[in-house]
Each structure stands twice: as C-alpha cells, then as structure tokens.
PDB file of N, CA and C in Angstrom:
ATOM      1  N   MET A   1       5.367  -5.146  36.126  1.00  0.00           N
ATOM      2  CA  MET A   1       5.377  -3.806  35.577  1.00  0.00           C
ATOM      3  C   MET A   1       4.546  -3.689  34.243  1.00  0.00           C
ATOM      4  N   ILE A   2       4.491  -4.764  33.511  1.00  0.00           N
ATOM      5  CA  ILE A   2       3.737  -4.750  32.299  1.00  0.00           C
ATOM      6  C   ILE A   2       2.532  -5.614  32.484  1.00  0.00           C
ATOM      7  N   GLU A   3       1.325  -5.045  32.126  1.00  0.00           N
ATOM      8  CA  GLU A   3       0.094  -5.787  32.297  1.00  0.00           C
ATOM      9  C   GLU A   3      -0.550  -5.800  30.923  1.00  0.00           C
ATOM     10  N   VAL A   4      -0.890  -7.014  30.421  1.00  0.00           N
ATOM     11  CA  VAL A   4      -1.637  -7.121  29.173  1.00  0.00           C
ATOM     12  C   VAL A   4      -3.078  -7.418  29.572  1.00  0.00           C
ATOM     13  N   HIS A   5      -3.986  -6.546  29.088  1.00  0.00           N
ATOM     14  CA  HIS A   5      -5.410  -6.679  29.432  1.00  0.00           C
ATOM     15  C   HIS A   5      -5.987  -7.839  28.572  1.00  0.00           C
ATOM     16  N   GLU A   6      -6.897  -8.621  29.172  1.00  0.00           N
ATOM     17  CA  GLU A   6      -7.451  -9.776  28.458  1.00  0.00           C
ATOM     18  C   GLU A   6      -8.382  -9.407  27.315  1.00  0.00           C
ATOM     19  N   GLU A   7      -9.149  -8.307  27.552  1.00  0.00           N
ATOM     20  CA  GLU A   7     -10.164  -7.907  26.562  1.00  0.00           C
ATOM     21  C   GLU A   7      -9.458  -7.445  25.239  1.00  0.00           C
ATOM     22  N   VAL A   8     -10.189  -7.587  24.171  1.00  0.00           N
ATOM     23  CA  VAL A   8      -9.799  -7.128  22.883  1.00  0.00           C
ATOM     24  C   VAL A   8     -10.438  -5.739  22.665  1.00  0.00           C
ATOM     25  N   PHE A   9      -9.684  -4.712  22.280  1.00  0.00           N
ATOM     26  CA  PHE A   9     -10.205  -3.353  22.214  1.00  0.00           C
ATOM     27  C   PHE A   9     -10.407  -2.901  20.734  1.00  0.00           C
ATOM     28  N   ALA A  10     -11.133  -1.873  20.657  1.00  0.00           N
ATOM     29  CA  ALA A  10     -11.428  -1.236  19.291  1.00  0.00           C
ATOM     30  C   ALA A  10     -11.138   0.260  19.467  1.00  0.00           C
ATOM     31  N   VAL A  11     -10.776   0.879  18.335  1.00  0.00           N
ATOM     32  CA  VAL A  11     -10.684   2.369  18.318  1.00  0.00           C
ATOM     33  C   VAL A  11     -11.712   2.808  17.313  1.00  0.00           C
ATOM     34  N   VAL A  12     -12.592   3.712  17.808  1.00  0.00           N
ATOM     35  CA  VAL A  12     -13.818   4.079  17.067  1.00  0.00           C
ATOM     36  C   VAL A  12     -13.972   5.552  16.904  1.00  0.00           C
ATOM     37  N   ASN A  13     -14.385   6.068  15.794  1.00  0.00           N
ATOM     38  CA  ASN A  13     -14.852   7.446  15.610  1.00  0.00           C
ATOM     39  C   ASN A  13     -16.326   7.494  15.827  1.00  0.00           C
ATOM     40  N   VAL A  14     -16.776   8.332  16.713  1.00  0.00           N
ATOM     41  CA  VAL A  14     -18.207   8.464  17.035  1.00  0.00           C
ATOM     42  C   VAL A  14     -18.636   9.845  17.058  1.00  0.00           C
ATOM     43  N   GLY A  15     -19.942  10.126  16.924  1.00  0.00           N
ATOM     44  CA  GLY A  15     -20.481  11.481  17.025  1.00  0.00           C
ATOM     45  C   GLY A  15     -20.681  11.882  18.460  1.00  0.00           C
ATOM     46  N   SER A  16     -20.988  10.993  19.306  1.00  0.00           N
ATOM     47  CA  SER A  16     -21.212  11.278  20.719  1.00  0.00           C
ATOM     48  C   SER A  16     -20.828  10.114  21.617  1.00  0.00           C
ATOM     49  N   LEU A  17     -20.682  10.362  22.898  1.00  0.00           N
ATOM     50  CA  LEU A  17     -20.306   9.271  23.799  1.00  0.00           C
ATOM     51  C   LEU A  17     -21.385   8.241  24.014  1.00  0.00           C
ATOM     52  N   GLY A  18     -22.597   8.646  23.903  1.00  0.00           N
ATOM     53  CA  GLY A  18     -23.719   7.743  24.161  1.00  0.00           C
ATOM     54  C   GLY A  18     -23.622   7.115  25.548  1.00  0.00           C
ATOM     55  N   ASN A  19     -23.968   5.828  25.669  1.00  0.00           N
ATOM     56  CA  ASN A  19     -23.889   5.141  26.950  1.00  0.00           C
ATOM     57  C   ASN A  19     -22.759   4.100  26.910  1.00  0.00           C
ATOM     58  N   ALA A  20     -21.797   4.299  26.075  1.00  0.00           N
ATOM     59  CA  ALA A  20     -20.776   3.246  25.973  1.00  0.00           C
ATOM     60  C   ALA A  20     -19.843   3.257  27.169  1.00  0.00           C
ATOM     61  N   ASP A  21     -19.385   2.017  27.526  1.00  0.00           N
ATOM     62  CA  ASP A  21     -18.450   1.867  28.573  1.00  0.00           C
ATOM     63  C   ASP A  21     -17.062   1.855  27.931  1.00  0.00           C
ATOM     64  N   PHE A  22     -16.397   3.010  27.916  1.00  0.00           N
ATOM     65  CA  PHE A  22     -15.146   3.135  27.186  1.00  0.00           C
ATOM     66  C   PHE A  22     -13.953   3.302  28.118  1.00  0.00           C
ATOM     67  N   PHE A  23     -12.789   2.992  27.618  1.00  0.00           N
ATOM     68  CA  PHE A  23     -11.532   3.131  28.391  1.00  0.00           C
ATOM     69  C   PHE A  23     -10.969   4.528  28.265  1.00  0.00           C
ATOM     70  N   ALA A  24     -10.975   5.130  27.065  1.00  0.00           N
ATOM     71  CA  ALA A  24     -10.427   6.443  26.897  1.00  0.00           C
ATOM     72  C   ALA A  24     -11.198   7.112  25.787  1.00  0.00           C
ATOM     73  N   ALA A  25     -11.201   8.463  25.829  1.00  0.00           N
ATOM     74  CA  ALA A  25     -11.803   9.317  24.785  1.00  0.00           C
ATOM     75  C   ALA A  25     -10.879  10.433  24.485  1.00  0.00           C
ATOM     76  N   VAL A  26     -10.801  10.725  23.246  1.00  0.00           N
ATOM     77  CA  VAL A  26      -9.937  11.889  22.735  1.00  0.00           C
ATOM     78  C   VAL A  26     -10.729  12.714  21.688  1.00  0.00           C
ATOM     79  N   ARG A  27     -10.778  13.977  21.875  1.00  0.00           N
ATOM     80  CA  ARG A  27     -11.444  14.829  20.843  1.00  0.00           C
ATOM     81  C   ARG A  27     -10.362  15.491  20.014  1.00  0.00           C
ATOM     82  N   ASP A  28     -10.505  15.309  18.653  1.00  0.00           N
ATOM     83  CA  ASP A  28      -9.483  15.897  17.731  1.00  0.00           C
ATOM     84  C   ASP A  28      -9.747  17.372  17.551  1.00  0.00           C
ATOM     85  N   ALA A  29      -8.859  18.011  16.950  1.00  0.00           N
ATOM     86  CA  ALA A  29      -8.943  19.503  16.779  1.00  0.00           C
ATOM     87  C   ALA A  29     -10.180  19.877  15.918  1.00  0.00           C
ATOM     88  N   ASP A  30     -10.594  19.005  14.984  1.00  0.00           N
ATOM     89  CA  ASP A  30     -11.772  19.200  14.207  1.00  0.00           C
ATOM     90  C   ASP A  30     -13.071  18.798  14.901  1.00  0.00           C
ATOM     91  N   GLY A  31     -12.977  18.378  16.170  1.00  0.00           N
ATOM     92  CA  GLY A  31     -14.180  18.067  16.931  1.00  0.00           C
ATOM     93  C   GLY A  31     -14.607  16.587  16.846  1.00  0.00           C
ATOM     94  N   LYS A  32     -13.894  15.774  16.025  1.00  0.00           N
ATOM     95  CA  LYS A  32     -14.262  14.355  15.984  1.00  0.00           C
ATOM     96  C   LYS A  32     -13.841  13.672  17.320  1.00  0.00           C
ATOM     97  N   LEU A  33     -14.629  12.730  17.721  1.00  0.00           N
ATOM     98  CA  LEU A  33     -14.420  12.043  19.022  1.00  0.00           C
ATOM     99  C   LEU A  33     -14.028  10.616  18.716  1.00  0.00           C
ATOM    100  N   THR A  34     -12.887  10.205  19.343  1.00  0.00           N
ATOM    101  CA  THR A  34     -12.366   8.857  19.201  1.00  0.00           C
ATOM    102  C   THR A  34     -12.454   8.208  20.562  1.00  0.00           C
ATOM    103  N   LEU A  35     -13.042   7.003  20.570  1.00  0.00           N
ATOM    104  CA  LEU A  35     -13.157   6.220  21.805  1.00  0.00           C
ATOM    105  C   LEU A  35     -12.261   4.972  21.649  1.00  0.00           C
ATOM    106  N   ILE A  36     -11.717   4.554  22.748  1.00  0.00           N
ATOM    107  CA  ILE A  36     -10.977   3.274  22.849  1.00  0.00           C
ATOM    108  C   ILE A  36     -11.791   2.488  23.857  1.00  0.00           C
ATOM    109  N   LEU A  37     -12.328   1.346  23.430  1.00  0.00           N
ATOM    110  CA  LEU A  37     -13.184   0.539  24.289  1.00  0.00           C
ATOM    111  C   LEU A  37     -13.109  -0.913  23.927  1.00  0.00           C
ATOM    112  N   PRO A  38     -13.551  -1.730  24.902  1.00  0.00           N
ATOM    113  CA  PRO A  38     -13.586  -3.151  24.558  1.00  0.00           C
ATOM    114  C   PRO A  38     -14.531  -3.422  23.397  1.00  0.00           C
ATOM    115  N   GLU A  39     -14.166  -4.351  22.505  1.00  0.00           N
ATOM    116  CA  GLU A  39     -14.966  -4.595  21.354  1.00  0.00           C
ATOM    117  C   GLU A  39     -16.390  -5.012  21.746  1.00  0.00           C
ATOM    118  N   LYS A  40     -16.575  -5.696  22.881  1.00  0.00           N
ATOM    119  CA  LYS A  40     -17.925  -6.169  23.275  1.00  0.00           C
ATOM    120  C   LYS A  40     -18.905  -4.956  23.461  1.00  0.00           C
ATOM    121  N   HIS A  41     -18.388  -3.766  23.588  1.00  0.00           N
ATOM    122  CA  HIS A  41     -19.285  -2.602  23.763  1.00  0.00           C
ATOM    123  C   HIS A  41     -19.610  -1.852  22.459  1.00  0.00           C
ATOM    124  N   LEU A  42     -19.068  -2.350  21.372  1.00  0.00           N
ATOM    125  CA  LEU A  42     -19.384  -1.760  20.051  1.00  0.00           C
ATOM    126  C   LEU A  42     -20.891  -1.683  19.769  1.00  0.00           C
ATOM    127  N   LYS A  43     -21.561  -2.723  20.226  1.00  0.00           N
ATOM    128  CA  LYS A  43     -22.979  -2.825  19.947  1.00  0.00           C
ATOM    129  C   LYS A  43     -23.771  -1.658  20.613  1.00  0.00           C
ATOM    130  N   ASP A  44     -23.219  -1.010  21.539  1.00  0.00           N
ATOM    131  CA  ASP A  44     -23.873   0.131  22.221  1.00  0.00           C
ATOM    132  C   ASP A  44     -23.652   1.504  21.505  1.00  0.00           C
ATOM    133  N   LEU A  45     -22.967   1.489  20.402  1.00  0.00           N
ATOM    134  CA  LEU A  45     -22.585   2.783  19.739  1.00  0.00           C
ATOM    135  C   LEU A  45     -22.976   2.800  18.287  1.00  0.00           C
ATOM    136  N   GLU A  46     -23.166   4.006  17.810  1.00  0.00           N
ATOM    137  CA  GLU A  46     -23.210   4.264  16.400  1.00  0.00           C
ATOM    138  C   GLU A  46     -21.969   4.902  16.046  1.00  0.00           C
ATOM    139  N   PHE A  47     -21.239   4.365  15.041  1.00  0.00           N
ATOM    140  CA  PHE A  47     -19.916   4.870  14.697  1.00  0.00           C
ATOM    141  C   PHE A  47     -19.696   5.017  13.183  1.00  0.00           C
ATOM    142  N   SER A  48     -18.781   5.884  12.836  1.00  0.00           N
ATOM    143  CA  SER A  48     -18.506   6.078  11.408  1.00  0.00           C
ATOM    144  C   SER A  48     -17.301   5.219  10.958  1.00  0.00           C
ATOM    145  N   GLU A  49     -16.361   5.006  11.861  1.00  0.00           N
ATOM    146  CA  GLU A  49     -15.218   4.241  11.535  1.00  0.00           C
ATOM    147  C   GLU A  49     -14.760   3.384  12.721  1.00  0.00           C
ATOM    148  N   VAL A  50     -14.169   2.252  12.473  1.00  0.00           N
ATOM    149  CA  VAL A  50     -13.709   1.399  13.625  1.00  0.00           C
ATOM    150  C   VAL A  50     -12.468   0.584  13.160  1.00  0.00           C
ATOM    151  N   GLU A  51     -11.550   0.456  14.021  1.00  0.00           N
ATOM    152  CA  GLU A  51     -10.411  -0.434  13.919  1.00  0.00           C
ATOM    153  C   GLU A  51     -10.475  -1.420  15.063  1.00  0.00           C
ATOM    154  N   LYS A  52     -10.491  -2.681  14.769  1.00  0.00           N
ATOM    155  CA  LYS A  52     -10.631  -3.692  15.807  1.00  0.00           C
ATOM    156  C   LYS A  52      -9.370  -4.496  15.978  1.00  0.00           C
ATOM    157  N   GLY A  53      -9.358  -5.275  17.061  1.00  0.00           N
ATOM    158  CA  GLY A  53      -8.302  -6.263  17.271  1.00  0.00           C
ATOM    159  C   GLY A  53      -7.109  -5.753  18.014  1.00  0.00           C
ATOM    160  N   PHE A  54      -7.250  -4.825  18.927  1.00  0.00           N
ATOM    161  CA  PHE A  54      -6.117  -4.321  19.682  1.00  0.00           C
ATOM    162  C   PHE A  54      -6.153  -4.948  21.134  1.00  0.00           C
ATOM    163  N   ARG A  55      -4.926  -5.098  21.646  1.00  0.00           N
ATOM    164  CA  ARG A  55      -4.806  -5.465  23.106  1.00  0.00           C
ATOM    165  C   ARG A  55      -4.110  -4.290  23.737  1.00  0.00           C
ATOM    166  N   LEU A  56      -4.512  -3.994  24.988  1.00  0.00           N
ATOM    167  CA  LEU A  56      -4.078  -2.909  25.743  1.00  0.00           C
ATOM    168  C   LEU A  56      -2.910  -3.432  26.658  1.00  0.00           C
ATOM    169  N   ILE A  57      -1.785  -2.766  26.592  1.00  0.00           N
ATOM    170  CA  ILE A  57      -0.655  -3.057  27.428  1.00  0.00           C
ATOM    171  C   ILE A  57      -0.461  -1.869  28.356  1.00  0.00           C
ATOM    172  N   THR A  58      -0.430  -2.081  29.630  1.00  0.00           N
ATOM    173  CA  THR A  58      -0.299  -1.024  30.637  1.00  0.00           C
ATOM    174  C   THR A  58       1.051  -1.190  31.333  1.00  0.00           C
ATOM    175  N   PHE A  59       1.727  -0.094  31.464  1.00  0.00           N
ATOM    176  CA  PHE A  59       3.013  -0.058  32.239  1.00  0.00           C
ATOM    177  C   PHE A  59       2.662   0.385  33.619  1.00  0.00           C
ATOM    178  N   ARG A  60       2.737  -0.527  34.572  1.00  0.00           N
ATOM    179  CA  ARG A  60       2.382  -0.359  35.968  1.00  0.00           C
ATOM    180  C   ARG A  60       3.515   0.318  36.717  1.00  0.00           C
ATOM    181  N   THR A  61       3.902   1.493  36.380  1.00  0.00           N
ATOM    182  CA  THR A  61       4.921   2.219  37.099  1.00  0.00           C
ATOM    183  C   THR A  61       4.592   3.726  36.963  1.00  0.00           C
ATOM    184  N   LYS A  62       4.693   4.440  37.997  1.00  0.00           N
ATOM    185  CA  LYS A  62       4.429   5.846  37.960  1.00  0.00           C
ATOM    186  C   LYS A  62       5.675   6.592  37.562  1.00  0.00           C
ATOM    187  N   LEU A  63       5.682   7.274  36.484  1.00  0.00           N
ATOM    188  CA  LEU A  63       6.827   7.987  35.979  1.00  0.00           C
ATOM    189  C   LEU A  63       6.679   9.462  36.350  1.00  0.00           C
ATOM    190  N   PRO A  64       7.775  10.106  36.834  1.00  0.00           N
ATOM    191  CA  PRO A  64       7.657  11.552  37.048  1.00  0.00           C
ATOM    192  C   PRO A  64       7.389  12.237  35.697  1.00  0.00           C
ATOM    193  N   PHE A  65       6.738  13.447  35.768  1.00  0.00           N
ATOM    194  CA  PHE A  65       6.415  14.195  34.549  1.00  0.00           C
ATOM    195  C   PHE A  65       7.594  14.679  33.811  1.00  0.00           C
ATOM    196  N   ASP A  66       8.731  14.762  34.435  1.00  0.00           N
ATOM    197  CA  ASP A  66       9.969  15.203  33.731  1.00  0.00           C
ATOM    198  C   ASP A  66      10.803  14.027  33.182  1.00  0.00           C
ATOM    199  N   THR A  67      10.194  12.851  33.203  1.00  0.00           N
ATOM    200  CA  THR A  67      10.888  11.659  32.577  1.00  0.00           C
ATOM    201  C   THR A  67      11.004  11.876  31.065  1.00  0.00           C
ATOM    202  N   VAL A  68      12.184  11.646  30.616  1.00  0.00           N
ATOM    203  CA  VAL A  68      12.457  11.846  29.206  1.00  0.00           C
ATOM    204  C   VAL A  68      12.800  10.456  28.584  1.00  0.00           C
ATOM    205  N   GLY A  69      12.190  10.135  27.463  1.00  0.00           N
ATOM    206  CA  GLY A  69      12.562   8.991  26.645  1.00  0.00           C
ATOM    207  C   GLY A  69      11.904   7.675  26.895  1.00  0.00           C
ATOM    208  N   PHE A  70      10.990   7.535  27.854  1.00  0.00           N
ATOM    209  CA  PHE A  70      10.410   6.234  28.137  1.00  0.00           C
ATOM    210  C   PHE A  70       9.609   5.749  27.006  1.00  0.00           C
ATOM    211  N   ILE A  71       8.685   6.529  26.481  1.00  0.00           N
ATOM    212  CA  ILE A  71       7.911   6.132  25.299  1.00  0.00           C
ATOM    213  C   ILE A  71       8.756   6.011  24.066  1.00  0.00           C
ATOM    214  N   ALA A  72       9.795   6.852  23.957  1.00  0.00           N
ATOM    215  CA  ALA A  72      10.691   6.691  22.783  1.00  0.00           C
ATOM    216  C   ALA A  72      11.436   5.354  22.799  1.00  0.00           C
ATOM    217  N   LYS A  73      11.824   4.931  23.991  1.00  0.00           N
ATOM    218  CA  LYS A  73      12.501   3.608  24.111  1.00  0.00           C
ATOM    219  C   LYS A  73      11.564   2.484  23.777  1.00  0.00           C
ATOM    220  N   VAL A  74      10.318   2.550  24.272  1.00  0.00           N
ATOM    221  CA  VAL A  74       9.289   1.535  23.975  1.00  0.00           C
ATOM    222  C   VAL A  74       9.022   1.518  22.486  1.00  0.00           C
ATOM    223  N   SER A  75       8.697   2.670  21.947  1.00  0.00           N
ATOM    224  CA  SER A  75       8.285   2.678  20.518  1.00  0.00           C
ATOM    225  C   SER A  75       9.388   2.343  19.549  1.00  0.00           C
ATOM    226  N   SER A  76      10.602   2.726  19.917  1.00  0.00           N
ATOM    227  CA  SER A  76      11.772   2.370  19.047  1.00  0.00           C
ATOM    228  C   SER A  76      12.016   0.873  19.012  1.00  0.00           C
ATOM    229  N   ALA A  77      11.950   0.248  20.203  1.00  0.00           N
ATOM    230  CA  ALA A  77      12.170  -1.235  20.286  1.00  0.00           C
ATOM    231  C   ALA A  77      11.117  -1.922  19.472  1.00  0.00           C
ATOM    232  N   LEU A  78       9.850  -1.515  19.602  1.00  0.00           N
ATOM    233  CA  LEU A  78       8.781  -2.247  18.848  1.00  0.00           C
ATOM    234  C   LEU A  78       8.853  -1.904  17.357  1.00  0.00           C
ATOM    235  N   ALA A  79       9.201  -0.652  17.023  1.00  0.00           N
ATOM    236  CA  ALA A  79       9.383  -0.343  15.588  1.00  0.00           C
ATOM    237  C   ALA A  79      10.454  -1.114  14.903  1.00  0.00           C
ATOM    238  N   ARG A  80      11.473  -1.399  15.596  1.00  0.00           N
ATOM    239  CA  ARG A  80      12.560  -2.237  15.008  1.00  0.00           C
ATOM    240  C   ARG A  80      12.081  -3.617  14.591  1.00  0.00           C
ATOM    241  N   GLU A  81      11.066  -4.064  15.301  1.00  0.00           N
ATOM    242  CA  GLU A  81      10.415  -5.338  15.004  1.00  0.00           C
ATOM    243  C   GLU A  81       9.216  -5.260  14.077  1.00  0.00           C
ATOM    244  N   GLY A  82       8.913  -4.033  13.635  1.00  0.00           N
ATOM    245  CA  GLY A  82       7.812  -3.857  12.684  1.00  0.00           C
ATOM    246  C   GLY A  82       6.461  -3.931  13.428  1.00  0.00           C
ATOM    247  N   ILE A  83       6.400  -3.576  14.718  1.00  0.00           N
ATOM    248  CA  ILE A  83       5.202  -3.615  15.457  1.00  0.00           C
ATOM    249  C   ILE A  83       4.623  -2.226  15.678  1.00  0.00           C
ATOM    250  N   PRO A  84       3.504  -1.897  15.091  1.00  0.00           N
ATOM    251  CA  PRO A  84       2.943  -0.560  15.237  1.00  0.00           C
ATOM    252  C   PRO A  84       2.201  -0.468  16.537  1.00  0.00           C
ATOM    253  N   ILE A  85       2.151   0.769  17.130  1.00  0.00           N
ATOM    254  CA  ILE A  85       1.460   0.995  18.410  1.00  0.00           C
ATOM    255  C   ILE A  85       0.649   2.216  18.354  1.00  0.00           C
ATOM    256  N   LEU A  86      -0.330   2.336  19.232  1.00  0.00           N
ATOM    257  CA  LEU A  86      -0.990   3.566  19.589  1.00  0.00           C
ATOM    258  C   LEU A  86      -0.675   3.875  21.037  1.00  0.00           C
ATOM    259  N   VAL A  87      -0.336   5.059  21.379  1.00  0.00           N
ATOM    260  CA  VAL A  87       0.156   5.439  22.774  1.00  0.00           C
ATOM    261  C   VAL A  87      -0.944   6.189  23.442  1.00  0.00           C
ATOM    262  N   LEU A  88      -1.135   5.898  24.750  1.00  0.00           N
ATOM    263  CA  LEU A  88      -2.036   6.643  25.640  1.00  0.00           C
ATOM    264  C   LEU A  88      -1.311   6.901  26.889  1.00  0.00           C
ATOM    265  N   SER A  89      -1.395   8.080  27.347  1.00  0.00           N
ATOM    266  CA  SER A  89      -0.852   8.407  28.691  1.00  0.00           C
ATOM    267  C   SER A  89      -1.855   9.124  29.531  1.00  0.00           C
ATOM    268  N   SER A  90      -1.911   8.700  30.843  1.00  0.00           N
ATOM    269  CA  SER A  90      -2.788   9.373  31.763  1.00  0.00           C
ATOM    270  C   SER A  90      -1.909  10.068  32.781  1.00  0.00           C
ATOM    271  N   PHE A  91      -2.518  10.564  33.823  1.00  0.00           N
ATOM    272  CA  PHE A  91      -1.828  11.313  34.820  1.00  0.00           C
ATOM    273  C   PHE A  91      -0.652  10.442  35.436  1.00  0.00           C
ATOM    274  N   SER A  92      -0.973   9.224  35.745  1.00  0.00           N
ATOM    275  CA  SER A  92       0.010   8.376  36.435  1.00  0.00           C
ATOM    276  C   SER A  92       0.416   7.043  35.669  1.00  0.00           C
ATOM    277  N   THR A  93      -0.096   6.821  34.508  1.00  0.00           N
ATOM    278  CA  THR A  93       0.139   5.477  33.862  1.00  0.00           C
ATOM    279  C   THR A  93       0.237   5.699  32.346  1.00  0.00           C
ATOM    280  N   ASP A  94       1.086   4.950  31.740  1.00  0.00           N
ATOM    281  CA  ASP A  94       1.190   4.897  30.278  1.00  0.00           C
ATOM    282  C   ASP A  94       0.687   3.559  29.744  1.00  0.00           C
ATOM    283  N   HIS A  95       0.086   3.596  28.530  1.00  0.00           N
ATOM    284  CA  HIS A  95      -0.499   2.466  27.968  1.00  0.00           C
ATOM    285  C   HIS A  95      -0.144   2.481  26.464  1.00  0.00           C
ATOM    286  N   ILE A  96      -0.048   1.321  25.805  1.00  0.00           N
ATOM    287  CA  ILE A  96       0.008   1.191  24.367  1.00  0.00           C
ATOM    288  C   ILE A  96      -1.014   0.178  23.945  1.00  0.00           C
ATOM    289  N   LEU A  97      -1.591   0.413  22.703  1.00  0.00           N
ATOM    290  CA  LEU A  97      -2.411  -0.528  22.017  1.00  0.00           C
ATOM    291  C   LEU A  97      -1.635  -1.183  20.960  1.00  0.00           C
ATOM    292  N   VAL A  98      -1.660  -2.503  20.942  1.00  0.00           N
ATOM    293  CA  VAL A  98      -0.979  -3.310  19.978  1.00  0.00           C
ATOM    294  C   VAL A  98      -1.947  -4.262  19.306  1.00  0.00           C
ATOM    295  N   ARG A  99      -1.845  -4.479  18.048  1.00  0.00           N
ATOM    296  CA  ARG A  99      -2.713  -5.435  17.312  1.00  0.00           C
ATOM    297  C   ARG A  99      -2.521  -6.821  17.962  1.00  0.00           C
ATOM    298  N   ASN A 100      -3.666  -7.490  18.069  1.00  0.00           N
ATOM    299  CA  ASN A 100      -3.643  -8.814  18.788  1.00  0.00           C
ATOM    300  C   ASN A 100      -2.600  -9.746  18.223  1.00  0.00           C
ATOM    301  N   GLU A 101      -2.308  -9.723  16.921  1.00  0.00           N
ATOM    302  CA  GLU A 101      -1.383 -10.642  16.365  1.00  0.00           C
ATOM    303  C   GLU A 101       0.046 -10.353  16.734  1.00  0.00           C
ATOM    304  N   HIS A 102       0.300  -9.131  17.310  1.00  0.00           N
ATOM    305  CA  HIS A 102       1.655  -8.739  17.713  1.00  0.00           C
ATOM    306  C   HIS A 102       1.861  -8.763  19.201  1.00  0.00           C
ATOM    307  N   VAL A 103       0.826  -9.079  19.984  1.00  0.00           N
ATOM    308  CA  VAL A 103       0.949  -8.841  21.397  1.00  0.00           C
ATOM    309  C   VAL A 103       1.969  -9.727  22.120  1.00  0.00           C
ATOM    310  N   GLU A 104       2.110 -10.989  21.741  1.00  0.00           N
ATOM    311  CA  GLU A 104       3.056 -11.840  22.371  1.00  0.00           C
ATOM    312  C   GLU A 104       4.530 -11.366  22.115  1.00  0.00           C
ATOM    313  N   ARG A 105       4.770 -11.065  20.882  1.00  0.00           N
ATOM    314  CA  ARG A 105       6.096 -10.573  20.549  1.00  0.00           C
ATOM    315  C   ARG A 105       6.391  -9.257  21.214  1.00  0.00           C
ATOM    316  N   ALA A 106       5.404  -8.374  21.235  1.00  0.00           N
ATOM    317  CA  ALA A 106       5.583  -7.074  21.862  1.00  0.00           C
ATOM    318  C   ALA A 106       5.933  -7.275  23.390  1.00  0.00           C
ATOM    319  N   VAL A 107       5.259  -8.100  23.992  1.00  0.00           N
ATOM    320  CA  VAL A 107       5.578  -8.368  25.472  1.00  0.00           C
ATOM    321  C   VAL A 107       6.978  -8.889  25.647  1.00  0.00           C
ATOM    322  N   GLU A 108       7.403  -9.812  24.815  1.00  0.00           N
ATOM    323  CA  GLU A 108       8.798 -10.354  24.873  1.00  0.00           C
ATOM    324  C   GLU A 108       9.770  -9.188  24.771  1.00  0.00           C
ATOM    325  N   ILE A 109       9.578  -8.330  23.799  1.00  0.00           N
ATOM    326  CA  ILE A 109      10.439  -7.169  23.559  1.00  0.00           C
ATOM    327  C   ILE A 109      10.374  -6.217  24.780  1.00  0.00           C
ATOM    328  N   LEU A 110       9.195  -5.902  25.228  1.00  0.00           N
ATOM    329  CA  LEU A 110       9.063  -4.932  26.335  1.00  0.00           C
ATOM    330  C   LEU A 110       9.664  -5.447  27.644  1.00  0.00           C
ATOM    331  N   GLU A 111       9.598  -6.710  27.871  1.00  0.00           N
ATOM    332  CA  GLU A 111      10.158  -7.304  29.096  1.00  0.00           C
ATOM    333  C   GLU A 111      11.701  -7.119  29.103  1.00  0.00           C
ATOM    334  N   LYS A 112      12.280  -7.156  27.924  1.00  0.00           N
ATOM    335  CA  LYS A 112      13.736  -6.892  27.841  1.00  0.00           C
ATOM    336  C   LYS A 112      14.096  -5.382  27.940  1.00  0.00           C
ATOM    337  N   VAL A 113      13.310  -4.581  27.353  1.00  0.00           N
ATOM    338  CA  VAL A 113      13.570  -3.186  27.185  1.00  0.00           C
ATOM    339  C   VAL A 113      13.190  -2.367  28.470  1.00  0.00           C
ATOM    340  N   VAL A 114      12.006  -2.681  29.068  1.00  0.00           N
ATOM    341  CA  VAL A 114      11.497  -1.908  30.146  1.00  0.00           C
ATOM    342  C   VAL A 114      11.927  -2.401  31.522  1.00  0.00           C
ATOM    343  N   LEU A 115      12.072  -3.665  31.687  1.00  0.00           N
ATOM    344  CA  LEU A 115      12.373  -4.243  33.038  1.00  0.00           C
ATOM    345  C   LEU A 115      13.895  -4.189  33.326  1.00  0.00           C
TER     346      LEU A 115
END
C-alpha cells in the first residue's frame, strides 16, 4: 500500500513549464507555477526558487471522495515525530513528499498507522 519512489525530488518555482519532465504542477492564486519533479530534471529548467532532497511516498489505495481523515491521520502521526510533509492528491491516489533524511522513519510510522 505504501510505495517509496527511488528518485529524489525537488519543489521548484518556475515562470513556465518549458520541456521539463515533471510529476506535478500547481498554479498559485498569484499565478506562480510550482513544479514537483525529479532533481535530475532541474537542468532543463530556469527557476527562481528550489527546495531539494524530497522523496515521494505514494499510498497505493483508492479512497472514495467522501473519505474523511485519511490525510489527517497521516499528517498527525508524522507531526508527532517532527516530520514535515507536503501533500499531493490526485483523482485516485494520495502522495506525500518527505525530506530524504526522514523517509525511513516516515515509512516505519506510516506502516503502523495506515496498514
């Protein structure tokens, strides 16, 4: 149910998508574009800000749209251990980004909480 992606990801503010191979893109209310992509693709972009060193954890379960509290349970358990996260949700899958130095502990916690 929990998949930790091997690649190391970055969160980047960019002016445009360019030709980057990215995992996710979000446009802020002020029009700024944030990409989440493997660090190896940073060379393909011009960016104003970057945060590196994230691992992507995917929850391989489809949750109904009326599910209440799944992300709250995940974030609360990790917060108790001082592990910050970034949350991404798609139509059928939820993901979190965790700093590389926290990924092993995060997986230990998530295996107890989610499984």
